[in-house]
PDB file of N, CA and C in Angstrom:
ATOM      1  N   UNK A   1       0.849  -1.155   0.000  1.00  0.00           N
ATOM      2  CA  UNK A   1       0.000   0.000   0.000  1.00  0.00           C
ATOM      3  C   UNK A   1       0.902   1.227   0.000  1.00  0.00           C
ATOM      4  N   UNK A   2       0.561   2.152  -0.858  1.00  0.00           N
ATOM      5  CA  UNK A   2       1.285   3.414  -0.939  1.00  0.00           C
ATOM      6  C   UNK A   2       0.362   4.517  -0.428  1.00  0.00           C
ATOM      7  N   UNK A   3       0.835   5.230   0.595  1.00  0.00           N
ATOM      8  CA  UNK A   3       0.070   6.329   1.165  1.00  0.00           C
ATOM      9  C   UNK A   3       0.636   7.653   0.679  1.00  0.00           C
ATOM     10  N   UNK A   4      -0.206   8.661   0.604  1.00  0.00           N
ATOM     11  CA  UNK A   4       0.222   9.983   0.158  1.00  0.00           C
ATOM     12  C   UNK A   4       0.942  10.739   1.268  1.00  0.00           C
ATOM     13  N   UNK A   5       0.733  10.339   2.520  1.00  0.00           N
ATOM     14  CA  UNK A   5       1.345  11.031   3.648  1.00  0.00           C
ATOM     15  C   UNK A   5       1.736  10.015   4.712  1.00  0.00           C
ATOM     16  N   UNK A   6       2.638  10.409   5.573  1.00  0.00           N
ATOM     17  CA  UNK A   6       3.201   9.525   6.583  1.00  0.00           C
ATOM     18  C   UNK A   6       2.217   9.292   7.733  1.00  0.00           C
ATOM     19  N   UNK A   7       1.825   8.036   7.978  1.00  0.00           N
ATOM     20  CA  UNK A   7       0.896   7.745   9.071  1.00  0.00           C
ATOM     21  C   UNK A   7       1.540   7.911  10.446  1.00  0.00           C
ATOM     22  N   UNK A   8       2.871   7.970  10.500  1.00  0.00           N
ATOM     23  CA  UNK A   8       3.525   8.210  11.780  1.00  0.00           C
ATOM     24  C   UNK A   8       3.387   9.674  12.208  1.00  0.00           C
ATOM     25  N   UNK A   9       3.177  10.554  11.249  1.00  0.00           N
ATOM     26  CA  UNK A   9       2.948  11.963  11.550  1.00  0.00           C
ATOM     27  C   UNK A   9       1.526  12.204  12.025  1.00  0.00           C
ATOM     28  N   UNK A  10       0.578  11.480  11.415  1.00  0.00           N
ATOM     29  CA  UNK A  10      -0.836  11.618  11.767  1.00  0.00           C
ATOM     30  C   UNK A  10      -1.539  10.339  11.329  1.00  0.00           C
ATOM     31  N   UNK A  11      -2.159   9.651  12.273  1.00  0.00           N
ATOM     32  CA  UNK A  11      -2.802   8.369  11.978  1.00  0.00           C
ATOM     33  C   UNK A  11      -3.883   8.520  10.906  1.00  0.00           C
ATOM     34  N   UNK A  12      -4.455   9.708  10.761  1.00  0.00           N
ATOM     35  CA  UNK A  12      -5.467   9.942   9.721  1.00  0.00           C
ATOM     36  C   UNK A  12      -4.880   9.769   8.323  1.00  0.00           C
ATOM     37  N   UNK A  13      -3.561   9.832   8.202  1.00  0.00           N
ATOM     38  CA  UNK A  13      -2.920   9.646   6.903  1.00  0.00           C
ATOM     39  C   UNK A  13      -3.061   8.225   6.371  1.00  0.00           C
ATOM     40  N   UNK A  14      -3.531   7.302   7.186  1.00  0.00           N
ATOM     41  CA  UNK A  14      -3.796   5.948   6.702  1.00  0.00           C
ATOM     42  C   UNK A  14      -4.947   5.935   5.709  1.00  0.00           C
ATOM     43  N   UNK A  15      -5.665   7.044   5.613  1.00  0.00           N
ATOM     44  CA  UNK A  15      -6.789   7.161   4.674  1.00  0.00           C
ATOM     45  C   UNK A  15      -6.381   7.800   3.355  1.00  0.00           C
ATOM     46  N   UNK A  16      -5.102   8.089   3.189  1.00  0.00           N
ATOM     47  CA  UNK A  16      -4.622   8.748   1.966  1.00  0.00           C
ATOM     48  C   UNK A  16      -4.005   7.729   1.024  1.00  0.00           C
ATOM     49  N   UNK A  17      -4.747   6.686   0.726  1.00  0.00           N
ATOM     50  CA  UNK A  17      -4.240   5.583  -0.091  1.00  0.00           C
ATOM     51  C   UNK A  17      -4.132   6.018  -1.550  1.00  0.00           C
ATOM     52  N   UNK A  18      -2.937   5.908  -2.074  1.00  0.00           N
ATOM     53  CA  UNK A  18      -2.675   6.248  -3.481  1.00  0.00           C
ATOM     54  C   UNK A  18      -2.730   5.020  -4.376  1.00  0.00           C
ATOM     55  N   UNK A  19      -2.434   3.855  -3.810  1.00  0.00           N
ATOM     56  CA  UNK A  19      -2.465   2.632  -4.592  1.00  0.00           C
ATOM     57  C   UNK A  19      -2.162   1.429  -3.730  1.00  0.00           C
ATOM     58  N   UNK A  20      -2.438   0.245  -4.294  1.00  0.00           N
ATOM     59  CA  UNK A  20      -2.245  -1.012  -3.589  1.00  0.00           C
ATOM     60  C   UNK A  20      -1.699  -2.042  -4.571  1.00  0.00           C
ATOM     61  N   UNK A  21      -0.736  -2.830  -4.111  1.00  0.00           N
ATOM     62  CA  UNK A  21      -0.233  -3.947  -4.910  1.00  0.00           C
ATOM     63  C   UNK A  21      -0.888  -5.227  -4.402  1.00  0.00           C
ATOM     64  N   UNK A  22      -1.519  -5.954  -5.326  1.00  0.00           N
ATOM     65  CA  UNK A  22      -2.199  -7.203  -4.987  1.00  0.00           C
ATOM     66  C   UNK A  22      -1.771  -8.265  -5.989  1.00  0.00           C
ATOM     67  N   UNK A  23      -1.161  -9.330  -5.489  1.00  0.00           N
ATOM     68  CA  UNK A  23      -0.721 -10.436  -6.356  1.00  0.00           C
ATOM     69  C   UNK A  23       0.101  -9.952  -7.543  1.00  0.00           C
ATOM     70  N   UNK A  24       0.983  -8.989  -7.297  1.00  0.00           N
ATOM     71  CA  UNK A  24       1.844  -8.488  -8.354  1.00  0.00           C
ATOM     72  C   UNK A  24       1.186  -7.489  -9.286  1.00  0.00           C
ATOM     73  N   UNK A  25      -0.047  -7.135  -9.013  1.00  0.00           N
ATOM     74  CA  UNK A  25      -0.780  -6.159  -9.844  1.00  0.00           C
ATOM     75  C   UNK A  25      -0.909  -4.855  -9.073  1.00  0.00           C
ATOM     76  N   UNK A  26      -0.622  -3.734  -9.720  1.00  0.00           N
ATOM     77  CA  UNK A  26      -0.739  -2.434  -9.087  1.00  0.00           C
ATOM     78  C   UNK A  26      -2.095  -1.804  -9.409  1.00  0.00           C
ATOM     79  N   UNK A  27      -2.816  -1.410  -8.367  1.00  0.00           N
ATOM     80  CA  UNK A  27      -4.093  -0.717  -8.528  1.00  0.00           C
ATOM     81  C   UNK A  27      -3.903   0.710  -8.028  1.00  0.00           C
ATOM     82  N   UNK A  28      -4.024   1.680  -8.935  1.00  0.00           N
ATOM     83  CA  UNK A  28      -3.868   3.075  -8.526  1.00  0.00           C
ATOM     84  C   UNK A  28      -5.176   3.605  -7.964  1.00  0.00           C
ATOM     85  N   UNK A  29      -5.168   4.838  -7.485  1.00  0.00           N
ATOM     86  CA  UNK A  29      -6.331   5.438  -6.836  1.00  0.00           C
ATOM     87  C   UNK A  29      -7.567   5.379  -7.742  1.00  0.00           C
ATOM     88  N   UNK A  30      -7.403   5.645  -9.019  1.00  0.00           N
ATOM     89  CA  UNK A  30      -8.535   5.600  -9.946  1.00  0.00           C
ATOM     90  C   UNK A  30      -9.144   4.217 -10.037  1.00  0.00           C
ATOM     91  N   UNK A  31      -8.302   3.202 -10.132  1.00  0.00           N
ATOM     92  CA  UNK A  31      -8.810   1.820 -10.211  1.00  0.00           C
ATOM     93  C   UNK A  31      -9.489   1.414  -8.910  1.00  0.00           C
ATOM     94  N   UNK A  32      -8.928   1.839  -7.784  1.00  0.00           N
ATOM     95  CA  UNK A  32      -9.554   1.530  -6.499  1.00  0.00           C
ATOM     96  C   UNK A  32     -10.926   2.186  -6.397  1.00  0.00           C
ATOM     97  N   UNK A  33     -11.025   3.429  -6.838  1.00  0.00           N
ATOM     98  CA  UNK A  33     -12.315   4.122  -6.814  1.00  0.00           C
ATOM     99  C   UNK A  33     -13.336   3.420  -7.713  1.00  0.00           C
ATOM    100  N   UNK A  34     -12.902   2.949  -8.885  1.00  0.00           N
ATOM    101  CA  UNK A  34     -13.799   2.218  -9.785  1.00  0.00           C
ATOM    102  C   UNK A  34     -14.288   0.923  -9.137  1.00  0.00           C
ATOM    103  N   UNK A  35     -13.391   0.206  -8.478  1.00  0.00           N
ATOM    104  CA  UNK A  35     -13.781  -1.032  -7.795  1.00  0.00           C
ATOM    105  C   UNK A  35     -14.784  -0.747  -6.681  1.00  0.00           C
ATOM    106  N   UNK A  36     -14.529   0.296  -5.899  1.00  0.00           N
ATOM    107  CA  UNK A  36     -15.446   0.647  -4.821  1.00  0.00           C
ATOM    108  C   UNK A  36     -16.825   1.015  -5.368  1.00  0.00           C
ATOM    109  N   UNK A  37     -16.855   1.746  -6.452  1.00  0.00           N
ATOM    110  CA  UNK A  37     -18.129   2.127  -7.067  1.00  0.00           C
ATOM    111  C   UNK A  37     -18.877   0.895  -7.576  1.00  0.00           C
ATOM    112  N   UNK A  38     -18.154  -0.030  -8.185  1.00  0.00           N
ATOM    113  CA  UNK A  38     -18.751  -1.256  -8.702  1.00  0.00           C
ATOM    114  C   UNK A  38     -19.352  -2.097  -7.572  1.00  0.00           C
ATOM    115  N   UNK A  39     -18.622  -2.216  -6.486  1.00  0.00           N
ATOM    116  CA  UNK A  39     -19.120  -2.982  -5.338  1.00  0.00           C
ATOM    117  C   UNK A  39     -20.352  -2.304  -4.756  1.00  0.00           C
ATOM    118  N   UNK A  40     -20.312  -0.986  -4.644  1.00  0.00           N
ATOM    119  CA  UNK A  40     -21.444  -0.240  -4.114  1.00  0.00           C
ATOM    120  C   UNK A  40     -22.681  -0.427  -4.988  1.00  0.00           C
ATOM    121  N   UNK A  41     -22.510  -0.337  -6.306  1.00  0.00           N
ATOM    122  CA  UNK A  41     -23.638  -0.523  -7.222  1.00  0.00           C
ATOM    123  C   UNK A  41     -24.197  -1.934  -7.122  1.00  0.00           C
ATOM    124  N   UNK A  42     -23.326  -2.933  -7.024  1.00  0.00           N
ATOM    125  CA  UNK A  42     -23.777  -4.322  -6.900  1.00  0.00           C
ATOM    126  C   UNK A  42     -24.549  -4.533  -5.605  1.00  0.00           C
ATOM    127  N   UNK A  43     -24.034  -3.967  -4.521  1.00  0.00           N
ATOM    128  CA  UNK A  43     -24.709  -4.083  -3.229  1.00  0.00           C
ATOM    129  C   UNK A  43     -26.082  -3.423  -3.286  1.00  0.00           C
ATOM    130  N   UNK A  44     -26.141  -2.215  -3.834  1.00  0.00           N
ATOM    131  CA  UNK A  44     -27.422  -1.509  -3.910  1.00  0.00           C
ATOM    132  C   UNK A  44     -28.423  -2.253  -4.779  1.00  0.00           C
ATOM    133  N   UNK A  45     -27.972  -2.836  -5.882  1.00  0.00           N
ATOM    134  CA  UNK A  45     -28.860  -3.599  -6.754  1.00  0.00           C
ATOM    135  C   UNK A  45     -29.391  -4.831  -6.029  1.00  0.00           C
ATOM    136  N   UNK A  46     -28.525  -5.517  -5.288  1.00  0.00           N
ATOM    137  CA  UNK A  46     -28.950  -6.708  -4.544  1.00  0.00           C
ATOM    138  C   UNK A  46     -29.926  -6.318  -3.443  1.00  0.00           C
ATOM    139  N   UNK A  47     -29.646  -5.217  -2.768  1.00  0.00           N
ATOM    140  CA  UNK A  47     -30.524  -4.743  -1.698  1.00  0.00           C
ATOM    141  C   UNK A  47     -31.885  -4.348  -2.261  1.00  0.00           C
ATOM    142  N   UNK A  48     -31.910  -3.659  -3.390  1.00  0.00           N
ATOM    143  CA  UNK A  48     -33.159  -3.287  -4.037  1.00  0.00           C
ATOM    144  C   UNK A  48     -33.966  -4.512  -4.429  1.00  0.00           C
ATOM    145  N   UNK A  49     -33.268  -5.531  -4.940  1.00  0.00           N
ATOM    146  CA  UNK A  49     -33.930  -6.757  -5.355  1.00  0.00           C
ATOM    147  C   UNK A  49     -34.563  -7.466  -4.159  1.00  0.00           C
ATOM    148  N   UNK A  50     -33.842  -7.502  -3.056  1.00  0.00           N
ATOM    149  CA  UNK A  50     -34.383  -8.136  -1.849  1.00  0.00           C
ATOM    150  C   UNK A  50     -35.586  -7.370  -1.314  1.00  0.00           C
ATOM    151  N   UNK A  51     -35.507  -6.055  -1.302  1.00  0.00           N
ATOM    152  CA  UNK A  51     -36.618  -5.236  -0.813  1.00  0.00           C
ATOM    153  C   UNK A  51     -37.834  -5.349  -1.717  1.00  0.00           C
ATOM    154  N   UNK A  52     -37.636  -5.489  -3.004  1.00  0.00           N
ATOM    155  CA  UNK A  52     -38.755  -5.610  -3.939  1.00  0.00           C
ATOM    156  C   UNK A  52     -39.503  -6.919  -3.750  1.00  0.00           C
ATOM    157  N   UNK A  53     -38.809  -7.968  -3.321  1.00  0.00           N
ATOM    158  CA  UNK A  53     -39.458  -9.253  -3.145  1.00  0.00           C
ATOM    159  C   UNK A  53     -39.980  -9.463  -1.738  1.00  0.00           C
ATOM    160  N   UNK A  54     -39.736  -8.506  -0.842  1.00  0.00           N
ATOM    161  CA  UNK A  54     -40.205  -8.602   0.544  1.00  0.00           C
ATOM    162  C   UNK A  54     -41.283  -7.542   0.787  1.00  0.00           C
ATOM    163  N   UNK A  55     -42.538  -7.957   0.817  1.00  0.00           N
ATOM    164  CA  UNK A  55     -43.628  -6.994   0.959  1.00  0.00           C
ATOM    165  C   UNK A  55     -43.616  -6.266   2.306  1.00  0.00           C
ATOM    166  N   UNK A  56     -42.951  -6.805   3.314  1.00  0.00           N
ATOM    167  CA  UNK A  56     -42.921  -6.154   4.625  1.00  0.00           C
ATOM    168  C   UNK A  56     -41.858  -5.065   4.703  1.00  0.00           C
ATOM    169  N   UNK A  57     -41.004  -4.940   3.674  1.00  0.00           N
ATOM    170  CA  UNK A  57     -39.924  -3.946   3.704  1.00  0.00           C
ATOM    171  C   UNK A  57     -40.414  -2.589   3.296  1.00  0.00           C
TER     172      UNK A  57
END
């Protein structure tokens, strides 16, 4: 994980993720944001589907 700022200076800097290496593949901030958006959309679609089939919701 590559951070934009030193977490030893301020623990909040752990939220400044610039990229992550996973299994030899580098994911930059843009790719991470795309993945997060995709997961969010999938979750919302699944939640909507469950609510539509549950009349008590």
